[in-house]
Amino acid sequence: MASTACFIIVSRNDIPIYEAEVGSALKKEEAVQQHQFILHAALDIVQDIAWTTSAMFLKAIDRFNDLVVSVYVTAVIIHTRLMLLHDSRNEDGIKSFFQEVHELYIKILLNPLYLPGSRITSSHFDTKVRALARKYL
């Protein structure tokens, strides 16, 4: 079965710093743009929920047709949101995916040549994220 998944990392200023279509389903340009729109529309919900809970993994915060938006919020100082639009029901796999991508993101932040809040252009980071998506999603 083909899966749909779009992953995005959003900085504290609501600017996307990394985007990837990580599902195995065939992608049309309209679908890619629709996925990005759904994820950006969910940012307000994330903002509201993030201040009411101490959990980092916010599970399914929004739905669009058969697609679900899951979010992982990093620490308050960095306040980066890792967002995944998916049609999967594997909550444990999604949580593990977020935790491992968070570790990768911390390694990017520790790089002295990376300016926090700028786009992540590392091909190594992209390869690792896609490998984690295949493993967990």
C-alpha atoms as a PDB file:
ATOM      1  CA  MET A   1       0.000   0.000   0.000  1.00  0.00           C
ATOM      2  CA  ALA A   2       1.357   3.405  -0.960  1.00  0.00           C
ATOM      3  CA  SER A   3       1.621   5.904   1.850  1.00  0.00           C
ATOM      4  CA  THR A   4       1.399   9.664   1.779  1.00  0.00           C
ATOM      5  CA  ALA A   5       3.721  11.650   3.994  1.00  0.00           C
ATOM      6  CA  CYS A   6       4.991  15.212   3.916  1.00  0.00           C
ATOM      7  CA  PHE A   7       7.503  16.301   6.549  1.00  0.00           C
ATOM      8  CA  ILE A   8       8.380  19.889   7.386  1.00  0.00           C
ATOM      9  CA  ILE A   9      10.479  21.651  10.027  1.00  0.00           C
ATOM     10  CA  VAL A  10       9.200  25.108  10.928  1.00  0.00           C
ATOM     11  CA  SER A  11      11.369  27.655  12.776  1.00  0.00           C
ATOM     12  CA  ARG A  12      10.193  29.755  15.694  1.00  0.00           C
ATOM     13  CA  ASN A  13       9.294  32.539  13.227  1.00  0.00           C
ATOM     14  CA  ASP A  14       6.915  30.218  11.303  1.00  0.00           C
ATOM     15  CA  ILE A  15       9.366  29.924   8.417  1.00  0.00           C
ATOM     16  CA  PRO A  16       9.885  26.454   6.890  1.00  0.00           C
ATOM     17  CA  ILE A  17      13.539  25.506   7.154  1.00  0.00           C
ATOM     18  CA  TYR A  18      13.243  21.968   5.768  1.00  0.00           C
ATOM     19  CA  GLU A  19      10.603  20.247   3.618  1.00  0.00           C
ATOM     20  CA  ALA A  20      10.416  16.740   2.190  1.00  0.00           C
ATOM     21  CA  GLU A  21       7.799  14.504   0.613  1.00  0.00           C
ATOM     22  CA  VAL A  22       8.739  11.215   2.272  1.00  0.00           C
ATOM     23  CA  GLY A  23       5.821   8.944   1.357  1.00  0.00           C
ATOM     24  CA  SER A  24       5.929   6.174  -1.219  1.00  0.00           C
ATOM     25  CA  ALA A  25       2.797   7.314  -3.106  1.00  0.00           C
ATOM     26  CA  LEU A  26       3.149   9.015  -6.479  1.00  0.00           C
ATOM     27  CA  LYS A  27       3.204  12.787  -6.104  1.00  0.00           C
ATOM     28  CA  LYS A  28       1.619  15.399  -8.316  1.00  0.00           C
ATOM     29  CA  GLU A  29       2.629  19.053  -8.085  1.00  0.00           C
ATOM     30  CA  GLU A  30      -0.867  19.998  -6.871  1.00  0.00           C
ATOM     31  CA  ALA A  31      -0.686  17.381  -4.115  1.00  0.00           C
ATOM     32  CA  VAL A  32       2.678  18.672  -2.924  1.00  0.00           C
ATOM     33  CA  GLN A  33       1.330  22.219  -2.709  1.00  0.00           C
ATOM     34  CA  GLN A  34      -1.834  21.011  -0.975  1.00  0.00           C
ATOM     35  CA  HIS A  35       0.243  19.142   1.615  1.00  0.00           C
ATOM     36  CA  GLN A  36       2.286  22.261   2.341  1.00  0.00           C
ATOM     37  CA  PHE A  37      -0.901  24.328   2.669  1.00  0.00           C
ATOM     38  CA  ILE A  38      -2.461  21.844   5.116  1.00  0.00           C
ATOM     39  CA  LEU A  39       0.671  21.829   7.269  1.00  0.00           C
ATOM     40  CA  HIS A  40       0.930  25.621   7.331  1.00  0.00           C
ATOM     41  CA  ALA A  41      -2.777  25.922   8.169  1.00  0.00           C
ATOM     42  CA  ALA A  42      -2.198  23.665  11.192  1.00  0.00           C
ATOM     43  CA  LEU A  43       0.397  26.041  12.695  1.00  0.00           C
ATOM     44  CA  ASP A  44      -2.261  28.006  14.586  1.00  0.00           C
ATOM     45  CA  ILE A  45      -3.580  24.828  16.184  1.00  0.00           C
ATOM     46  CA  VAL A  46      -0.040  23.840  17.123  1.00  0.00           C
ATOM     47  CA  GLN A  47       0.510  27.242  18.734  1.00  0.00           C
ATOM     48  CA  ASP A  48      -2.623  26.865  20.856  1.00  0.00           C
ATOM     49  CA  ILE A  49      -1.946  23.272  21.926  1.00  0.00           C
ATOM     50  CA  ALA A  50       1.786  23.734  22.592  1.00  0.00           C
ATOM     51  CA  TRP A  51       1.131  26.153  25.455  1.00  0.00           C
ATOM     52  CA  THR A  52      -1.420  23.882  27.160  1.00  0.00           C
ATOM     53  CA  THR A  53       0.732  20.764  27.476  1.00  0.00           C
ATOM     54  CA  SER A  54       4.259  19.860  28.505  1.00  0.00           C
ATOM     55  CA  ALA A  55       4.429  16.982  26.005  1.00  0.00           C
ATOM     56  CA  MET A  56       6.720  17.348  23.024  1.00  0.00           C
ATOM     57  CA  PHE A  57       4.841  14.853  20.819  1.00  0.00           C
ATOM     58  CA  LEU A  58       1.379  16.303  20.179  1.00  0.00           C
ATOM     59  CA  LYS A  59       0.070  13.289  18.207  1.00  0.00           C
ATOM     60  CA  ALA A  60      -2.768  13.973  15.760  1.00  0.00           C
ATOM     61  CA  ILE A  61      -3.703  17.648  16.043  1.00  0.00           C
ATOM     62  CA  ASP A  62      -5.598  18.135  12.774  1.00  0.00           C
ATOM     63  CA  ARG A  63      -7.223  16.122   9.986  1.00  0.00           C
ATOM     64  CA  PHE A  64      -7.915  16.747   6.328  1.00  0.00           C
ATOM     65  CA  ASN A  65      -9.895  14.017   4.548  1.00  0.00           C
ATOM     66  CA  ASP A  66      -7.877  10.849   5.272  1.00  0.00           C
ATOM     67  CA  LEU A  67      -4.674  12.760   6.119  1.00  0.00           C
ATOM     68  CA  VAL A  68      -3.548  13.491   9.689  1.00  0.00           C
ATOM     69  CA  VAL A  69      -1.173  16.187  10.963  1.00  0.00           C
ATOM     70  CA  SER A  70       1.150  15.057  13.771  1.00  0.00           C
ATOM     71  CA  VAL A  71       3.535  17.469  15.476  1.00  0.00           C
ATOM     72  CA  TYR A  72       6.623  17.347  17.660  1.00  0.00           C
ATOM     73  CA  VAL A  73       7.545  20.609  19.399  1.00  0.00           C
ATOM     74  CA  THR A  74      11.115  21.216  20.561  1.00  0.00           C
ATOM     75  CA  ALA A  75      12.209  23.116  23.674  1.00  0.00           C
ATOM     76  CA  VAL A  76      10.843  26.596  24.373  1.00  0.00           C
ATOM     77  CA  ILE A  77      14.091  28.444  23.612  1.00  0.00           C
ATOM     78  CA  ILE A  78      14.416  26.938  20.130  1.00  0.00           C
ATOM     79  CA  HIS A  79      10.656  26.359  19.688  1.00  0.00           C
ATOM     80  CA  THR A  80      10.950  24.555  16.381  1.00  0.00           C
ATOM     81  CA  ARG A  81       8.024  22.470  15.158  1.00  0.00           C
ATOM     82  CA  LEU A  82       8.521  19.172  13.351  1.00  0.00           C
ATOM     83  CA  MET A  83       5.296  18.508  11.428  1.00  0.00           C
ATOM     84  CA  LEU A  84       4.222  15.409   9.534  1.00  0.00           C
ATOM     85  CA  LEU A  85       1.197  15.055   7.276  1.00  0.00           C
ATOM     86  CA  HIS A  86       0.462  11.349   6.869  1.00  0.00           C
ATOM     87  CA  ASP A  87      -2.159   8.683   6.359  1.00  0.00           C
ATOM     88  CA  SER A  88      -0.505   6.195   8.709  1.00  0.00           C
ATOM     89  CA  ARG A  89      -1.937   4.861  11.985  1.00  0.00           C
ATOM     90  CA  ASN A  90       1.457   3.865  13.405  1.00  0.00           C
ATOM     91  CA  GLU A  91       1.692   6.295  16.339  1.00  0.00           C
ATOM     92  CA  ASP A  92       4.749   4.647  17.908  1.00  0.00           C
ATOM     93  CA  GLY A  93       6.624   4.718  14.604  1.00  0.00           C
ATOM     94  CA  ILE A  94       5.752   8.390  14.104  1.00  0.00           C
ATOM     95  CA  LYS A  95       6.968   9.243  17.615  1.00  0.00           C
ATOM     96  CA  SER A  96      10.252   7.380  17.010  1.00  0.00           C
ATOM     97  CA  PHE A  97      10.651   9.149  13.652  1.00  0.00           C
ATOM     98  CA  PHE A  98      10.225  12.547  15.331  1.00  0.00           C
ATOM     99  CA  GLN A  99      12.660  11.713  18.149  1.00  0.00           C
ATOM    100  CA  GLU A 100      15.398  10.605  15.768  1.00  0.00           C
ATOM    101  CA  VAL A 101      14.894  13.575  13.433  1.00  0.00           C
ATOM    102  CA  HIS A 102      15.055  15.824  16.510  1.00  0.00           C
ATOM    103  CA  GLU A 103      18.471  14.321  17.312  1.00  0.00           C
ATOM    104  CA  LEU A 104      19.601  15.009  13.735  1.00  0.00           C
ATOM    105  CA  TYR A 105      18.310  18.579  14.008  1.00  0.00           C
ATOM    106  CA  ILE A 106      20.263  19.124  17.234  1.00  0.00           C
ATOM    107  CA  LYS A 107      23.421  17.959  15.431  1.00  0.00           C
ATOM    108  CA  ILE A 108      22.704  20.533  12.701  1.00  0.00           C
ATOM    109  CA  LEU A 109      22.273  23.234  15.370  1.00  0.00           C
ATOM    110  CA  LEU A 110      25.619  22.299  16.918  1.00  0.00           C
ATOM    111  CA  ASN A 111      27.367  22.882  13.597  1.00  0.00           C
ATOM    112  CA  PRO A 112      29.190  26.239  13.909  1.00  0.00           C
ATOM    113  CA  LEU A 113      28.624  26.936  10.199  1.00  0.00           C
ATOM    114  CA  TYR A 114      24.830  26.668  10.494  1.00  0.00           C
ATOM    115  CA  LEU A 115      22.856  29.828  11.259  1.00  0.00           C
ATOM    116  CA  PRO A 116      19.805  28.875  13.393  1.00  0.00           C
ATOM    117  CA  GLY A 117      16.571  29.607  11.561  1.00  0.00           C
ATOM    118  CA  SER A 118      18.088  29.320   8.078  1.00  0.00           C
ATOM    119  CA  ARG A 119      17.153  26.605   5.570  1.00  0.00           C
ATOM    120  CA  ILE A 120      18.718  23.214   6.070  1.00  0.00           C
ATOM    121  CA  THR A 121      20.431  22.382   2.788  1.00  0.00           C
ATOM    122  CA  SER A 122      22.592  19.481   3.943  1.00  0.00           C
ATOM    123  CA  SER A 123      22.255  16.484   1.626  1.00  0.00           C
ATOM    124  CA  HIS A 124      23.427  14.273   4.503  1.00  0.00           C
ATOM    125  CA  PHE A 125      20.528  15.521   6.686  1.00  0.00           C
ATOM    126  CA  ASP A 126      18.065  14.951   3.828  1.00  0.00           C
ATOM    127  CA  THR A 127      19.335  11.420   3.215  1.00  0.00           C
ATOM    128  CA  LYS A 128      19.084  10.553   6.914  1.00  0.00           C
ATOM    129  CA  VAL A 129      15.539  11.958   7.225  1.00  0.00           C
ATOM    130  CA  ARG A 130      14.379   9.958   4.200  1.00  0.00           C
ATOM    131  CA  ALA A 131      15.997   6.813   5.593  1.00  0.00           C
ATOM    132  CA  LEU A 132      14.233   7.342   8.933  1.00  0.00           C
ATOM    133  CA  ALA A 133      10.929   7.857   7.105  1.00  0.00           C
ATOM    134  CA  ARG A 134      11.362   4.543   5.284  1.00  0.00           C
ATOM    135  CA  LYS A 135      12.231   2.840   8.578  1.00  0.00           C
ATOM    136  CA  TYR A 136       9.410   4.215  10.756  1.00  0.00           C
ATOM    137  CA  LEU A 137       6.601   5.386   8.504  1.00  0.00           C
END
